[in-house]
Amino acid sequence: MNQALGRHPNIGPFPADQLLPWVAIAGASYYLIKVGLGQNWVVTGAVAFWGISTWWILTAKGAWWYLSKFIPVPKWSRGFARFTPLLAKTPPRSSYSRGKKQ
């Protein structure tokens, strides 16, 4: 039996699917706080830690659990149309002209 079946990949104790978002959050924190605002490494690290921990909490059950809330729900409507064959020789009669005498 393969013991790894059904398990998610990890990098140490951290889930592997979190690595790319964490790198993006740390990079954005560095450029915004350290480069942009000129703060020290403690503030930069605290902001990066806050962003990473917030992301981890929001996506702990899987990214789909939180991020799927932002996907718009399709608006379904019921429509009725008369079937018209593609090779029809005469145009279809409308329901308005059905009750009128010609």
PDB file of N, CA and C in Angstrom:
ATOM      1  N   MET A   1       0.840  -1.185   0.000  1.00  0.00           N
ATOM      2  CA  MET A   1       0.000   0.000   0.000  1.00  0.00           C
ATOM      3  C   MET A   1       0.881   1.244   0.000  1.00  0.00           C
ATOM      4  N   ASN A   2       0.436   2.236  -0.752  1.00  0.00           N
ATOM      5  CA  ASN A   2       1.142   3.503  -0.787  1.00  0.00           C
ATOM      6  C   ASN A   2       0.593   4.396   0.326  1.00  0.00           C
ATOM      7  N   GLN A   3       1.447   4.787   1.260  1.00  0.00           N
ATOM      8  CA  GLN A   3       1.010   5.581   2.402  1.00  0.00           C
ATOM      9  C   GLN A   3       0.714   7.030   2.026  1.00  0.00           C
ATOM     10  N   ALA A   4       1.216   7.504   0.884  1.00  0.00           N
ATOM     11  CA  ALA A   4       1.052   8.903   0.501  1.00  0.00           C
ATOM     12  C   ALA A   4      -0.257   9.174  -0.231  1.00  0.00           C
ATOM     13  N   LEU A   5      -1.007   8.141  -0.579  1.00  0.00           N
ATOM     14  CA  LEU A   5      -2.261   8.346  -1.294  1.00  0.00           C
ATOM     15  C   LEU A   5      -3.272   9.067  -0.408  1.00  0.00           C
ATOM     16  N   GLY A   6      -3.921  10.075  -0.961  1.00  0.00           N
ATOM     17  CA  GLY A   6      -4.930  10.809  -0.227  1.00  0.00           C
ATOM     18  C   GLY A   6      -4.382  11.897   0.674  1.00  0.00           C
ATOM     19  N   ARG A   7      -3.075  12.080   0.701  1.00  0.00           N
ATOM     20  CA  ARG A   7      -2.476  13.111   1.546  1.00  0.00           C
ATOM     21  C   ARG A   7      -2.028  14.278   0.681  1.00  0.00           C
ATOM     22  N   HIS A   8      -2.022  15.475   1.245  1.00  0.00           N
ATOM     23  CA  HIS A   8      -1.593  16.665   0.538  1.00  0.00           C
ATOM     24  C   HIS A   8      -0.089  16.844   0.702  1.00  0.00           C
ATOM     25  N   PRO A   9       0.598  17.352  -0.326  1.00  0.00           N
ATOM     26  CA  PRO A   9       2.047  17.544  -0.227  1.00  0.00           C
ATOM     27  C   PRO A   9       2.387  18.639   0.777  1.00  0.00           C
ATOM     28  N   ASN A  10       3.460  18.428   1.517  1.00  0.00           N
ATOM     29  CA  ASN A  10       3.918  19.368   2.523  1.00  0.00           C
ATOM     30  C   ASN A  10       5.384  19.703   2.299  1.00  0.00           C
ATOM     31  N   ILE A  11       5.742  20.906   2.710  1.00  0.00           N
ATOM     32  CA  ILE A  11       7.149  21.308   2.777  1.00  0.00           C
ATOM     33  C   ILE A  11       7.423  21.508   4.256  1.00  0.00           C
ATOM     34  N   GLY A  12       7.964  20.477   4.882  1.00  0.00           N
ATOM     35  CA  GLY A  12       8.092  20.494   6.333  1.00  0.00           C
ATOM     36  C   GLY A  12       6.703  20.436   6.945  1.00  0.00           C
ATOM     37  N   PRO A  13       6.416  21.287   7.916  1.00  0.00           N
ATOM     38  CA  PRO A  13       5.077  21.279   8.524  1.00  0.00           C
ATOM     39  C   PRO A  13       4.057  22.129   7.770  1.00  0.00           C
ATOM     40  N   PHE A  14       4.473  22.782   6.687  1.00  0.00           N
ATOM     41  CA  PHE A  14       3.598  23.718   5.973  1.00  0.00           C
ATOM     42  C   PHE A  14       3.051  23.085   4.702  1.00  0.00           C
ATOM     43  N   PRO A  15       1.785  23.358   4.367  1.00  0.00           N
ATOM     44  CA  PRO A  15       1.215  22.825   3.133  1.00  0.00           C
ATOM     45  C   PRO A  15       1.882  23.444   1.903  1.00  0.00           C
ATOM     46  N   ALA A  16       2.142  22.642   0.893  1.00  0.00           N
ATOM     47  CA  ALA A  16       2.879  23.099  -0.290  1.00  0.00           C
ATOM     48  C   ALA A  16       2.072  24.082  -1.130  1.00  0.00           C
ATOM     49  N   ASP A  17       0.753  24.009  -1.090  1.00  0.00           N
ATOM     50  CA  ASP A  17      -0.036  24.936  -1.893  1.00  0.00           C
ATOM     51  C   ASP A  17      -0.038  26.354  -1.325  1.00  0.00           C
ATOM     52  N   GLN A  18       0.514  26.536  -0.132  1.00  0.00           N
ATOM     53  CA  GLN A  18       0.608  27.861   0.474  1.00  0.00           C
ATOM     54  C   GLN A  18       1.916  28.577   0.129  1.00  0.00           C
ATOM     55  N   LEU A  19       2.867  27.880  -0.451  1.00  0.00           N
ATOM     56  CA  LEU A  19       4.192  28.456  -0.666  1.00  0.00           C
ATOM     57  C   LEU A  19       4.165  29.658  -1.602  1.00  0.00           C
ATOM     58  N   LEU A  20       3.529  29.548  -2.738  1.00  0.00           N
ATOM     59  CA  LEU A  20       3.507  30.650  -3.700  1.00  0.00           C
ATOM     60  C   LEU A  20       2.774  31.887  -3.170  1.00  0.00           C
ATOM     61  N   PRO A  21       1.590  31.752  -2.553  1.00  0.00           N
ATOM     62  CA  PRO A  21       0.965  32.952  -1.974  1.00  0.00           C
ATOM     63  C   PRO A  21       1.805  33.585  -0.870  1.00  0.00           C
ATOM     64  N   TRP A  22       2.492  32.762  -0.060  1.00  0.00           N
ATOM     65  CA  TRP A  22       3.323  33.316   1.007  1.00  0.00           C
ATOM     66  C   TRP A  22       4.502  34.097   0.445  1.00  0.00           C
ATOM     67  N   VAL A  23       5.091  33.604  -0.626  1.00  0.00           N
ATOM     68  CA  VAL A  23       6.202  34.331  -1.268  1.00  0.00           C
ATOM     69  C   VAL A  23       5.688  35.656  -1.828  1.00  0.00           C
ATOM     70  N   ALA A  24       4.512  35.645  -2.424  1.00  0.00           N
ATOM     71  CA  ALA A  24       3.939  36.880  -2.964  1.00  0.00           C
ATOM     72  C   ALA A  24       3.622  37.874  -1.846  1.00  0.00           C
ATOM     73  N   ILE A  25       3.079  37.402  -0.733  1.00  0.00           N
ATOM     74  CA  ILE A  25       2.763  38.279   0.392  1.00  0.00           C
ATOM     75  C   ILE A  25       4.034  38.850   1.005  1.00  0.00           C
ATOM     76  N   ALA A  26       5.064  38.013   1.172  1.00  0.00           N
ATOM     77  CA  ALA A  26       6.333  38.490   1.731  1.00  0.00           C
ATOM     78  C   ALA A  26       6.992  39.492   0.792  1.00  0.00           C
ATOM     79  N   GLY A  27       6.953  39.238  -0.507  1.00  0.00           N
ATOM     80  CA  GLY A  27       7.533  40.170  -1.472  1.00  0.00           C
ATOM     81  C   GLY A  27       6.797  41.497  -1.495  1.00  0.00           C
ATOM     82  N   ALA A  28       5.466  41.447  -1.455  1.00  0.00           N
ATOM     83  CA  ALA A  28       4.678  42.683  -1.431  1.00  0.00           C
ATOM     84  C   ALA A  28       4.932  43.461  -0.143  1.00  0.00           C
ATOM     85  N   SER A  29       5.062  42.744   0.971  1.00  0.00           N
ATOM     86  CA  SER A  29       5.370  43.409   2.241  1.00  0.00           C
ATOM     87  C   SER A  29       6.729  44.084   2.187  1.00  0.00           C
ATOM     88  N   TYR A  30       7.700  43.417   1.591  1.00  0.00           N
ATOM     89  CA  TYR A  30       9.034  43.997   1.485  1.00  0.00           C
ATOM     90  C   TYR A  30       9.007  45.276   0.662  1.00  0.00           C
ATOM     91  N   TYR A  31       8.386  45.224  -0.498  1.00  0.00           N
ATOM     92  CA  TYR A  31       8.380  46.397  -1.369  1.00  0.00           C
ATOM     93  C   TYR A  31       7.526  47.534  -0.811  1.00  0.00           C
ATOM     94  N   LEU A  32       6.404  47.217  -0.166  1.00  0.00           N
ATOM     95  CA  LEU A  32       5.559  48.275   0.370  1.00  0.00           C
ATOM     96  C   LEU A  32       6.129  48.886   1.654  1.00  0.00           C
ATOM     97  N   ILE A  33       6.590  48.039   2.558  1.00  0.00           N
ATOM     98  CA  ILE A  33       6.999  48.522   3.870  1.00  0.00           C
ATOM     99  C   ILE A  33       8.469  48.924   3.898  1.00  0.00           C
ATOM    100  N   LYS A  34       9.340  48.047   3.446  1.00  0.00           N
ATOM    101  CA  LYS A  34      10.785  48.321   3.529  1.00  0.00           C
ATOM    102  C   LYS A  34      11.222  49.333   2.477  1.00  0.00           C
ATOM    103  N   VAL A  35      10.870  49.089   1.222  1.00  0.00           N
ATOM    104  CA  VAL A  35      11.318  49.963   0.138  1.00  0.00           C
ATOM    105  C   VAL A  35      10.444  51.215   0.057  1.00  0.00           C
ATOM    106  N   GLY A  36       9.135  51.030   0.083  1.00  0.00           N
ATOM    107  CA  GLY A  36       8.224  52.158  -0.100  1.00  0.00           C
ATOM    108  C   GLY A  36       8.174  53.109   1.073  1.00  0.00           C
ATOM    109  N   LEU A  37       8.011  52.572   2.266  1.00  0.00           N
ATOM    110  CA  LEU A  37       7.874  53.427   3.443  1.00  0.00           C
ATOM    111  C   LEU A  37       9.176  53.600   4.217  1.00  0.00           C
ATOM    112  N   GLY A  38      10.188  52.807   3.927  1.00  0.00           N
ATOM    113  CA  GLY A  38      11.489  52.942   4.587  1.00  0.00           C
ATOM    114  C   GLY A  38      11.507  52.477   6.034  1.00  0.00           C
ATOM    115  N   GLN A  39      10.636  51.561   6.396  1.00  0.00           N
ATOM    116  CA  GLN A  39      10.600  51.049   7.765  1.00  0.00           C
ATOM    117  C   GLN A  39      11.709  50.011   7.975  1.00  0.00           C
ATOM    118  N   ASN A  40      11.926  49.629   9.239  1.00  0.00           N
ATOM    119  CA  ASN A  40      12.973  48.646   9.537  1.00  0.00           C
ATOM    120  C   ASN A  40      12.474  47.222   9.296  1.00  0.00           C
ATOM    121  N   TRP A  41      13.363  46.252   9.492  1.00  0.00           N
ATOM    122  CA  TRP A  41      13.041  44.852   9.212  1.00  0.00           C
ATOM    123  C   TRP A  41      12.015  44.279  10.173  1.00  0.00           C
ATOM    124  N   VAL A  42      11.964  44.809  11.392  1.00  0.00           N
ATOM    125  CA  VAL A  42      10.993  44.291  12.373  1.00  0.00           C
ATOM    126  C   VAL A  42       9.562  44.592  11.898  1.00  0.00           C
ATOM    127  N   VAL A  43       9.333  45.807  11.451  1.00  0.00           N
ATOM    128  CA  VAL A  43       8.001  46.182  10.960  1.00  0.00           C
ATOM    129  C   VAL A  43       7.680  45.408   9.687  1.00  0.00           C
ATOM    130  N   THR A  44       8.665  45.292   8.803  1.00  0.00           N
ATOM    131  CA  THR A  44       8.457  44.547   7.557  1.00  0.00           C
ATOM    132  C   THR A  44       8.126  43.085   7.848  1.00  0.00           C
ATOM    133  N   GLY A  45       8.862  42.483   8.757  1.00  0.00           N
ATOM    134  CA  GLY A  45       8.600  41.091   9.133  1.00  0.00           C
ATOM    135  C   GLY A  45       7.254  40.918   9.806  1.00  0.00           C
ATOM    136  N   ALA A  46       6.856  41.893  10.626  1.00  0.00           N
ATOM    137  CA  ALA A  46       5.561  41.810  11.306  1.00  0.00           C
ATOM    138  C   ALA A  46       4.415  41.903  10.307  1.00  0.00           C
ATOM    139  N   VAL A  47       4.531  42.792   9.330  1.00  0.00           N
ATOM    140  CA  VAL A  47       3.490  42.914   8.305  1.00  0.00           C
ATOM    141  C   VAL A  47       3.439  41.655   7.446  1.00  0.00           C
ATOM    142  N   ALA A  48       4.592  41.120   7.080  1.00  0.00           N
ATOM    143  CA  ALA A  48       4.630  39.883   6.292  1.00  0.00           C
ATOM    144  C   ALA A  48       4.034  38.726   7.093  1.00  0.00           C
ATOM    145  N   PHE A  49       4.369  38.628   8.370  1.00  0.00           N
ATOM    146  CA  PHE A  49       3.824  37.570   9.222  1.00  0.00           C
ATOM    147  C   PHE A  49       2.311  37.714   9.350  1.00  0.00           C
ATOM    148  N   TRP A  50       1.831  38.943   9.510  1.00  0.00           N
ATOM    149  CA  TRP A  50       0.394  39.187   9.604  1.00  0.00           C
ATOM    150  C   TRP A  50      -0.312  38.770   8.314  1.00  0.00           C
ATOM    151  N   GLY A  51       0.248  39.137   7.169  1.00  0.00           N
ATOM    152  CA  GLY A  51      -0.364  38.781   5.893  1.00  0.00           C
ATOM    153  C   GLY A  51      -0.365  37.284   5.644  1.00  0.00           C
ATOM    154  N   ILE A  52       0.750  36.639   5.959  1.00  0.00           N
ATOM    155  CA  ILE A  52       0.857  35.191   5.756  1.00  0.00           C
ATOM    156  C   ILE A  52      -0.095  34.445   6.681  1.00  0.00           C
ATOM    157  N   SER A  53      -0.155  34.861   7.950  1.00  0.00           N
ATOM    158  CA  SER A  53      -1.045  34.159   8.883  1.00  0.00           C
ATOM    159  C   SER A  53      -2.511  34.388   8.529  1.00  0.00           C
ATOM    160  N   THR A  54      -2.849  35.580   8.054  1.00  0.00           N
ATOM    161  CA  THR A  54      -4.222  35.839   7.626  1.00  0.00           C
ATOM    162  C   THR A  54      -4.592  34.970   6.433  1.00  0.00           C
ATOM    163  N   TRP A  55      -3.679  34.874   5.466  1.00  0.00           N
ATOM    164  CA  TRP A  55      -3.933  34.037   4.295  1.00  0.00           C
ATOM    165  C   TRP A  55      -4.089  32.572   4.701  1.00  0.00           C
ATOM    166  N   TRP A  56      -3.261  32.117   5.627  1.00  0.00           N
ATOM    167  CA  TRP A  56      -3.318  30.726   6.064  1.00  0.00           C
ATOM    168  C   TRP A  56      -4.641  30.437   6.773  1.00  0.00           C
ATOM    169  N   ILE A  57      -5.104  31.370   7.580  1.00  0.00           N
ATOM    170  CA  ILE A  57      -6.380  31.172   8.282  1.00  0.00           C
ATOM    171  C   ILE A  57      -7.540  31.142   7.293  1.00  0.00           C
ATOM    172  N   LEU A  58      -7.521  32.047   6.309  1.00  0.00           N
ATOM    173  CA  LEU A  58      -8.623  32.114   5.355  1.00  0.00           C
ATOM    174  C   LEU A  58      -8.685  30.901   4.433  1.00  0.00           C
ATOM    175  N   THR A  59      -7.548  30.304   4.136  1.00  0.00           N
ATOM    176  CA  THR A  59      -7.525  29.176   3.205  1.00  0.00           C
ATOM    177  C   THR A  59      -7.163  27.858   3.893  1.00  0.00           C
ATOM    178  N   ALA A  60      -7.410  27.743   5.181  1.00  0.00           N
ATOM    179  CA  ALA A  60      -7.020  26.539   5.926  1.00  0.00           C
ATOM    180  C   ALA A  60      -7.781  25.298   5.455  1.00  0.00           C
ATOM    181  N   LYS A  61      -9.037  25.457   5.051  1.00  0.00           N
ATOM    182  CA  LYS A  61      -9.825  24.309   4.596  1.00  0.00           C
ATOM    183  C   LYS A  61      -9.664  24.069   3.109  1.00  0.00           C
ATOM    184  N   GLY A  62      -8.780  24.780   2.475  1.00  0.00           N
ATOM    185  CA  GLY A  62      -8.570  24.702   1.034  1.00  0.00           C
ATOM    186  C   GLY A  62      -8.888  26.058   0.428  1.00  0.00           C
ATOM    187  N   ALA A  63      -8.168  26.425  -0.601  1.00  0.00           N
ATOM    188  CA  ALA A  63      -8.354  27.738  -1.201  1.00  0.00           C
ATOM    189  C   ALA A  63      -9.762  27.914  -1.751  1.00  0.00           C
ATOM    190  N   TRP A  64     -10.377  26.835  -2.210  1.00  0.00           N
ATOM    191  CA  TRP A  64     -11.714  26.922  -2.766  1.00  0.00           C
ATOM    192  C   TRP A  64     -12.729  27.343  -1.719  1.00  0.00           C
ATOM    193  N   TRP A  65     -12.497  27.023  -0.443  1.00  0.00           N
ATOM    194  CA  TRP A  65     -13.471  27.277   0.609  1.00  0.00           C
ATOM    195  C   TRP A  65     -13.719  28.771   0.784  1.00  0.00           C
ATOM    196  N   TYR A  66     -12.680  29.583   0.747  1.00  0.00           N
ATOM    197  CA  TYR A  66     -12.825  31.024   0.908  1.00  0.00           C
ATOM    198  C   TYR A  66     -12.927  31.748  -0.435  1.00  0.00           C
ATOM    199  N   LEU A  67     -12.078  31.381  -1.377  1.00  0.00           N
ATOM    200  CA  LEU A  67     -12.017  32.114  -2.630  1.00  0.00           C
ATOM    201  C   LEU A  67     -13.218  31.855  -3.530  1.00  0.00           C
ATOM    202  N   SER A  68     -13.935  30.755  -3.337  1.00  0.00           N
ATOM    203  CA  SER A  68     -15.099  30.478  -4.175  1.00  0.00           C
ATOM    204  C   SER A  68     -16.264  31.411  -3.858  1.00  0.00           C
ATOM    205  N   LYS A  69     -16.180  32.155  -2.762  1.00  0.00           N
ATOM    206  CA  LYS A  69     -17.234  33.105  -2.426  1.00  0.00           C
ATOM    207  C   LYS A  69     -17.234  34.295  -3.368  1.00  0.00           C
ATOM    208  N   PHE A  70     -16.146  34.526  -4.095  1.00  0.00           N
ATOM    209  CA  PHE A  70     -16.032  35.669  -4.976  1.00  0.00           C
ATOM    210  C   PHE A  70     -16.358  35.329  -6.427  1.00  0.00           C
ATOM    211  N   ILE A  71     -16.708  34.101  -6.712  1.00  0.00           N
ATOM    212  CA  ILE A  71     -17.103  33.700  -8.056  1.00  0.00           C
ATOM    213  C   ILE A  71     -18.585  33.997  -8.207  1.00  0.00           C
ATOM    214  N   PRO A  72     -18.980  34.786  -9.196  1.00  0.00           N
ATOM    215  CA  PRO A  72     -20.407  35.125  -9.306  1.00  0.00           C
ATOM    216  C   PRO A  72     -21.252  33.910  -9.659  1.00  0.00           C
ATOM    217  N   VAL A  73     -22.420  33.881  -9.081  1.00  0.00           N
ATOM    218  CA  VAL A  73     -23.363  32.799  -9.343  1.00  0.00           C
ATOM    219  C   VAL A  73     -24.068  33.112 -10.658  1.00  0.00           C
ATOM    220  N   PRO A  74     -24.178  32.151 -11.558  1.00  0.00           N
ATOM    221  CA  PRO A  74     -24.862  32.441 -12.828  1.00  0.00           C
ATOM    222  C   PRO A  74     -26.350  32.706 -12.608  1.00  0.00           C
ATOM    223  N   LYS A  75     -26.874  33.611 -13.393  1.00  0.00           N
ATOM    224  CA  LYS A  75     -28.297  33.927 -13.320  1.00  0.00           C
ATOM    225  C   LYS A  75     -29.015  33.083 -14.367  1.00  0.00           C
ATOM    226  N   TRP A  76     -29.788  32.145 -13.896  1.00  0.00           N
ATOM    227  CA  TRP A  76     -30.511  31.258 -14.786  1.00  0.00           C
ATOM    228  C   TRP A  76     -31.913  31.815 -14.983  1.00  0.00           C
ATOM    229  N   SER A  77     -32.402  31.714 -16.170  1.00  0.00           N
ATOM    230  CA  SER A  77     -33.779  32.106 -16.437  1.00  0.00           C
ATOM    231  C   SER A  77     -34.387  31.079 -17.376  1.00  0.00           C
ATOM    232  N   ARG A  78     -35.676  30.952 -17.275  1.00  0.00           N
ATOM    233  CA  ARG A  78     -36.366  29.981 -18.109  1.00  0.00           C
ATOM    234  C   ARG A  78     -36.951  30.717 -19.305  1.00  0.00           C
ATOM    235  N   GLY A  79     -36.623  30.267 -20.452  1.00  0.00           N
ATOM    236  CA  GLY A  79     -37.141  30.895 -21.660  1.00  0.00           C
ATOM    237  C   GLY A  79     -37.905  29.884 -22.496  1.00  0.00           C
ATOM    238  N   PHE A  80     -38.866  30.383 -23.213  1.00  0.00           N
ATOM    239  CA  PHE A  80     -39.659  29.524 -24.071  1.00  0.00           C
ATOM    240  C   PHE A  80     -39.548  30.058 -25.494  1.00  0.00           C
ATOM    241  N   ALA A  81     -39.229  29.205 -26.402  1.00  0.00           N
ATOM    242  CA  ALA A  81     -39.123  29.595 -27.800  1.00  0.00           C
ATOM    243  C   ALA A  81     -39.690  28.475 -28.654  1.00  0.00           C
ATOM    244  N   ARG A  82     -40.285  28.875 -29.741  1.00  0.00           N
ATOM    245  CA  ARG A  82     -40.842  27.904 -30.666  1.00  0.00           C
ATOM    246  C   ARG A  82     -39.699  27.286 -31.460  1.00  0.00           C
ATOM    247  N   PHE A  83     -39.770  25.986 -31.675  1.00  0.00           N
ATOM    248  CA  PHE A  83     -38.745  25.307 -32.458  1.00  0.00           C
ATOM    249  C   PHE A  83     -38.886  25.681 -33.925  1.00  0.00           C
ATOM    250  N   THR A  84     -37.778  26.069 -34.532  1.00  0.00           N
ATOM    251  CA  THR A  84     -37.754  26.390 -35.954  1.00  0.00           C
ATOM    252  C   THR A  84     -36.652  25.562 -36.589  1.00  0.00           C
ATOM    253  N   PRO A  85     -37.000  24.696 -37.525  1.00  0.00           N
ATOM    254  CA  PRO A  85     -35.952  23.921 -38.176  1.00  0.00           C
ATOM    255  C   PRO A  85     -35.040  24.835 -38.992  1.00  0.00           C
ATOM    256  N   LEU A  86     -33.796  24.453 -39.119  1.00  0.00           N
ATOM    257  CA  LEU A  86     -32.828  25.269 -39.836  1.00  0.00           C
ATOM    258  C   LEU A  86     -33.139  25.364 -41.326  1.00  0.00           C
ATOM    259  N   LEU A  87     -33.735  24.346 -41.875  1.00  0.00           N
ATOM    260  CA  LEU A  87     -34.010  24.318 -43.303  1.00  0.00           C
ATOM    261  C   LEU A  87     -35.483  24.594 -43.603  1.00  0.00           C
ATOM    262  N   ALA A  88     -36.118  25.437 -42.805  1.00  0.00           N
ATOM    263  CA  ALA A  88     -37.534  25.742 -43.011  1.00  0.00           C
ATOM    264  C   ALA A  88     -37.710  26.591 -44.271  1.00  0.00           C
ATOM    265  N   LYS A  89     -38.727  26.247 -45.088  1.00  0.00           N
ATOM    266  CA  LYS A  89     -38.981  26.987 -46.324  1.00  0.00           C
ATOM    267  C   LYS A  89     -39.878  28.198 -46.063  1.00  0.00           C
ATOM    268  N   THR A  90     -40.747  28.088 -45.094  1.00  0.00           N
ATOM    269  CA  THR A  90     -41.629  29.202 -44.772  1.00  0.00           C
ATOM    270  C   THR A  90     -41.258  29.729 -43.392  1.00  0.00           C
ATOM    271  N   PRO A  91     -41.360  31.037 -43.192  1.00  0.00           N
ATOM    272  CA  PRO A  91     -41.055  31.571 -41.861  1.00  0.00           C
ATOM    273  C   PRO A  91     -42.108  31.128 -40.860  1.00  0.00           C
ATOM    274  N   PRO A  92     -41.739  30.941 -39.614  1.00  0.00           N
ATOM    275  CA  PRO A  92     -42.729  30.496 -38.623  1.00  0.00           C
ATOM    276  C   PRO A  92     -43.750  31.590 -38.353  1.00  0.00           C
ATOM    277  N   ARG A  93     -44.977  31.162 -38.050  1.00  0.00           N
ATOM    278  CA  ARG A  93     -46.040  32.098 -37.740  1.00  0.00           C
ATOM    279  C   ARG A  93     -45.932  32.495 -36.276  1.00  0.00           C
ATOM    280  N   SER A  94     -46.135  33.734 -35.993  1.00  0.00           N
ATOM    281  CA  SER A  94     -46.064  34.186 -34.611  1.00  0.00           C
ATOM    282  C   SER A  94     -47.363  33.851 -33.902  1.00  0.00           C
ATOM    283  N   SER A  95     -47.340  33.807 -32.601  1.00  0.00           N
ATOM    284  CA  SER A  95     -48.535  33.491 -31.832  1.00  0.00           C
ATOM    285  C   SER A  95     -49.537  34.633 -31.891  1.00  0.00           C
ATOM    286  N   TYR A  96     -49.091  35.843 -32.237  1.00  0.00           N
ATOM    287  CA  TYR A  96     -49.991  36.990 -32.341  1.00  0.00           C
ATOM    288  C   TYR A  96     -50.914  36.857 -33.544  1.00  0.00           C
ATOM    289  N   SER A  97     -50.378  36.371 -34.643  1.00  0.00           N
ATOM    290  CA  SER A  97     -51.182  36.266 -35.841  1.00  0.00           C
ATOM    291  C   SER A  97     -52.052  35.016 -35.820  1.00  0.00           C
ATOM    292  N   ARG A  98     -51.900  34.160 -34.861  1.00  0.00           N
ATOM    293  CA  ARG A  98     -52.694  32.926 -34.810  1.00  0.00           C
ATOM    294  C   ARG A  98     -54.159  33.225 -34.518  1.00  0.00           C
ATOM    295  N   GLY A  99     -54.441  34.194 -33.663  1.00  0.00           N
ATOM    296  CA  GLY A  99     -55.814  34.462 -33.296  1.00  0.00           C
ATOM    297  C   GLY A  99     -56.513  35.424 -34.246  1.00  0.00           C
ATOM    298  N   LYS A 100     -55.811  36.096 -35.098  1.00  0.00           N
ATOM    299  CA  LYS A 100     -56.406  37.070 -36.017  1.00  0.00           C
ATOM    300  C   LYS A 100     -56.878  36.392 -37.299  1.00  0.00           C
ATOM    301  N   LYS A 101     -57.922  36.924 -37.839  1.00  0.00           N
ATOM    302  CA  LYS A 101     -58.385  36.423 -39.142  1.00  0.00           C
ATOM    303  C   LYS A 101     -57.708  37.242 -40.230  1.00  0.00           C
ATOM    304  N   GLN A 102     -57.324  36.584 -41.271  1.00  0.00           N
ATOM    305  CA  GLN A 102     -56.610  37.287 -42.350  1.00  0.00           C
ATOM    306  C   GLN A 102     -57.438  37.374 -43.584  1.00  0.00           C
TER     307      GLN A 102
END
